[in-house]
Structures are given as C-alpha cells and as structure tokens.
C-alpha cells in the first residue's frame, strides 16, 4: 500500500513540475505583469506556403541554460525576461516531409523593452547563401500599446538599431 501511495505521489509531483506550454521565467522573484517584463517567443510552425516544418526554441539567455522540460525538446517556446540587453541562444530545426534537413544553434542580441513581446524569425538569403535570425516586436498588453521595434542591437556600440 505504501509503495503505491508513494509512487502516486511521485507521479503527481513530476506532473506538477512539467511545463507543457514551454514558458519559462528567466528572472528571479515573483512573476511580473506584462507591463513590467519582456517576452521572447520561438516558433513551431509551417513556413507559409510550404510543407517545411520550422522550429525555433530558446535554449539559453545571457549564458544561463533554460531548464529542461519534461517530455519537451531542449529549450523553451517562450521566456520572460527583465527589460534590457540580453543574448538569446536559440536552437533552430528545419524539417521537410523526408525528415530534418537542417539545424543550427545561434546567439542573437536583443535590447528588450518592458511591455513588449518579441517573436524570433528566421530569414534566408539565397544571394549570399546565408541564414540569420531577427525579432519582430509588438506590445504585450493592449492597454499600453507601444512601438517595440525590432530589438536588434549593434554589438560594437551596444545600442538598439532602428530598422
């Protein structure tokens, strides 16, 4: 009887710790309202007009690994950060109907603003045969609508770039 009870308790604890939505708070303390934090989102979707599957997961922020999640791949779908300068390490996977045809890790700097959500996007250049990542920013709350920009940073000057 005690074995069954302790086994059930362990399963409940593990289920409670599981993060099925892929969201991780990457700052210490209590959760903040959207107007006081920034959110970075990866993606798990199909590219427009193709059957190619694309996944972008956040695996580290400022050199701190995102905690592993039960039953979910490496990293998180989205992370909450305090506003400011951050280096976001991402894991990108591109799949086709035949399987995974490309994957990479990359680190992308961002100047995150409070009350802003930044969507990580992948872009390719067939001219340069290159791939890169950027952000699309939008307001996290309708009550405080604001221009979030792209969050892109000039690393040499450590300043946001206006696009």
Protein backbone atom coordinates (compact mmCIF):
# COMPACT_ATOMS: atom_id res chain seq x y z
CA UNK A 1 0.00 0.00 0.00
CA UNK A 2 2.77 2.48 0.90
CA UNK A 3 4.60 1.69 -2.32
CA UNK A 4 1.50 2.51 -4.38
CA UNK A 5 0.88 5.69 -2.39
CA UNK A 6 4.48 6.89 -2.71
CA UNK A 7 4.51 6.02 -6.43
CA UNK A 8 1.34 8.02 -6.97
CA UNK A 9 2.77 10.98 -5.02
CA UNK A 10 5.94 10.97 -7.15
CA UNK A 11 3.88 10.94 -10.36
CA UNK A 12 1.81 13.90 -9.14
CA UNK A 13 4.95 15.86 -8.22
CA UNK A 14 6.53 15.16 -11.62
CA UNK A 15 3.33 16.13 -13.44
CA UNK A 16 3.16 19.34 -11.41
CA UNK A 17 6.73 20.24 -12.39
CA UNK A 18 6.15 19.57 -16.07
CA UNK A 19 5.97 22.65 -18.20
CA UNK A 20 3.70 21.63 -21.04
CA UNK A 21 3.27 25.11 -22.52
CA UNK A 22 7.00 25.72 -22.91
CA UNK A 23 7.07 29.03 -20.95
CA UNK A 24 9.97 29.77 -18.58
CA UNK A 25 10.54 32.78 -16.33
CA UNK A 26 14.26 33.66 -16.64
CA UNK A 27 14.47 36.13 -13.77
CA UNK A 28 14.29 35.66 -10.01
CA UNK A 29 11.33 36.66 -7.91
CA UNK A 30 7.60 36.74 -8.37
CA UNK A 31 6.00 36.78 -11.80
CA UNK A 32 5.63 40.32 -13.13
CA UNK A 33 2.70 41.72 -15.12
CA UNK A 34 3.27 42.14 -18.88
CA UNK A 35 3.82 45.90 -18.49
CA UNK A 36 6.97 45.24 -16.41
CA UNK A 37 8.65 42.41 -18.33
CA UNK A 38 9.66 41.39 -21.84
CA UNK A 39 8.77 38.10 -23.52
CA UNK A 40 10.75 36.32 -26.23
CA UNK A 41 8.91 33.70 -28.31
CA UNK A 42 10.26 30.96 -30.54
CA UNK A 43 8.10 29.22 -33.08
CA UNK A 44 6.83 25.80 -34.01
CA UNK A 45 5.00 26.06 -37.30
CA UNK A 46 4.95 25.51 -41.01
CA UNK A 47 6.54 28.08 -43.27
CA UNK A 48 3.99 29.96 -45.29
CA UNK A 49 3.09 28.11 -48.46
CA UNK A 50 5.23 25.01 -47.89
CA UNK A 51 5.15 21.74 -46.02
CA UNK A 52 8.51 22.51 -44.42
CA UNK A 53 8.29 22.43 -40.63
CA UNK A 54 10.28 25.06 -38.74
CA UNK A 55 11.02 25.12 -35.01
CA UNK A 56 12.87 27.78 -33.02
CA UNK A 57 13.45 27.12 -29.31
CA UNK A 58 15.21 29.32 -26.77
CA UNK A 59 17.96 27.30 -25.06
CA UNK A 60 19.84 29.95 -23.04
CA UNK A 61 19.65 33.60 -22.02
CA UNK A 62 22.80 35.51 -21.04
CA UNK A 63 24.71 32.23 -20.71
CA UNK A 64 22.13 30.65 -18.37
CA UNK A 65 20.58 27.49 -19.78
CA UNK A 66 16.81 27.32 -19.94
CA UNK A 67 15.75 24.48 -17.60
CA UNK A 68 14.90 21.23 -19.36
CA UNK A 69 11.21 20.47 -19.53
CA UNK A 70 9.60 17.06 -19.08
CA UNK A 71 8.55 15.49 -22.37
CA UNK A 72 9.57 18.53 -24.40
CA UNK A 73 12.67 19.13 -26.55
CA UNK A 74 15.62 21.22 -25.50
CA UNK A 75 14.82 24.81 -24.53
CA UNK A 76 11.53 26.66 -24.26
CA UNK A 77 8.88 28.04 -26.60
CA UNK A 78 8.93 31.38 -24.76
CA UNK A 79 10.80 33.06 -21.93
CA UNK A 80 10.05 36.05 -19.72
CA UNK A 81 12.92 38.49 -19.13
CA UNK A 82 13.53 41.73 -17.33
CA UNK A 83 13.86 44.62 -19.80
CA UNK A 84 17.39 45.38 -21.04
CA UNK A 85 20.19 43.93 -23.12
CA UNK A 86 20.28 40.14 -23.46
CA UNK A 87 21.98 37.48 -25.56
CA UNK A 88 19.42 34.84 -26.55
CA UNK A 89 20.79 31.47 -27.68
CA UNK A 90 18.38 29.63 -29.95
CA UNK A 91 18.08 26.16 -31.45
CA UNK A 92 16.67 26.12 -34.98
CA UNK A 93 15.37 22.99 -36.71
CA UNK A 94 14.04 22.83 -40.26
CA UNK A 95 12.24 19.71 -41.40
CA UNK A 96 10.84 18.54 -44.66
CA UNK A 97 8.47 15.66 -45.40
CA UNK A 98 11.58 13.44 -45.59
CA UNK A 99 12.86 14.42 -42.11
CA UNK A 100 15.18 17.03 -40.60
CA UNK A 101 17.25 18.65 -43.31
CA UNK A 102 18.92 21.45 -41.34
CA UNK A 103 19.52 22.51 -37.74
CA UNK A 104 21.74 25.05 -36.04
CA UNK A 105 22.41 26.98 -32.84
CA UNK A 106 22.86 30.75 -32.90
CA UNK A 107 23.11 33.58 -30.38
CA UNK A 108 21.15 36.74 -31.10
CA UNK A 109 21.49 40.00 -29.13
CA UNK A 110 18.37 41.94 -28.19
CA UNK A 111 17.52 45.17 -26.42
CA UNK A 112 14.24 44.10 -24.80
CA UNK A 113 11.71 46.74 -23.72
CA UNK A 114 9.10 46.37 -20.96
CA UNK A 115 5.58 45.50 -22.14
CA UNK A 116 6.95 44.04 -25.38
CA UNK A 117 6.83 40.55 -26.85
CA UNK A 118 9.46 39.64 -29.44
CA UNK A 119 8.88 36.86 -31.96
CA UNK A 120 12.08 35.23 -33.23
CA UNK A 121 12.02 34.85 -37.01
CA UNK A 122 14.39 33.09 -39.38
CA UNK A 123 15.37 34.65 -42.68
CA UNK A 124 17.40 33.29 -45.56
CA UNK A 125 19.38 34.93 -48.31
CA UNK A 126 19.76 32.84 -51.44
CA UNK A 127 22.05 35.53 -52.86
CA UNK A 128 24.55 35.14 -50.00
CA UNK A 129 23.64 31.52 -49.25
CA UNK A 130 23.17 32.57 -45.62
CA UNK A 131 20.66 32.27 -42.84
CA UNK A 132 20.05 34.58 -39.89
CA UNK A 133 17.63 35.40 -37.13
CA UNK A 134 15.86 38.56 -36.05
CA UNK A 135 12.95 39.71 -33.92
CA UNK A 136 9.54 41.22 -34.59
CA UNK A 137 8.34 43.24 -31.59
CA UNK A 138 4.80 44.07 -30.56
CA UNK A 139 3.07 45.35 -27.42
CA UNK A 140 2.29 42.70 -24.79
CA UNK A 141 -0.82 44.46 -23.49
CA UNK A 142 -3.46 46.34 -25.42
CA UNK A 143 -3.89 48.84 -22.58
CA UNK A 144 -0.35 50.11 -23.05
CA UNK A 145 0.07 49.93 -26.83
CA UNK A 146 3.58 50.98 -27.81
CA UNK A 147 6.20 50.65 -30.53
CA UNK A 148 8.52 47.81 -29.54
CA UNK A 149 10.78 47.98 -32.58
CA UNK A 150 12.84 45.00 -33.62
CA UNK A 151 15.04 44.70 -30.54
CA UNK A 152 18.10 44.45 -32.80
CA UNK A 153 21.37 45.63 -31.27
CA UNK A 154 24.65 46.94 -32.73
CA UNK A 155 27.12 44.93 -30.65
CA UNK A 156 30.01 47.33 -31.25
CA UNK A 157 28.07 50.35 -29.95
CA UNK A 158 25.77 48.30 -27.65
CA UNK A 159 22.81 50.35 -28.85
CA UNK A 160 19.48 49.42 -30.46
CA UNK A 161 19.34 49.70 -34.25
CA UNK A 162 16.33 51.37 -35.81
CA UNK A 163 15.02 49.34 -38.75
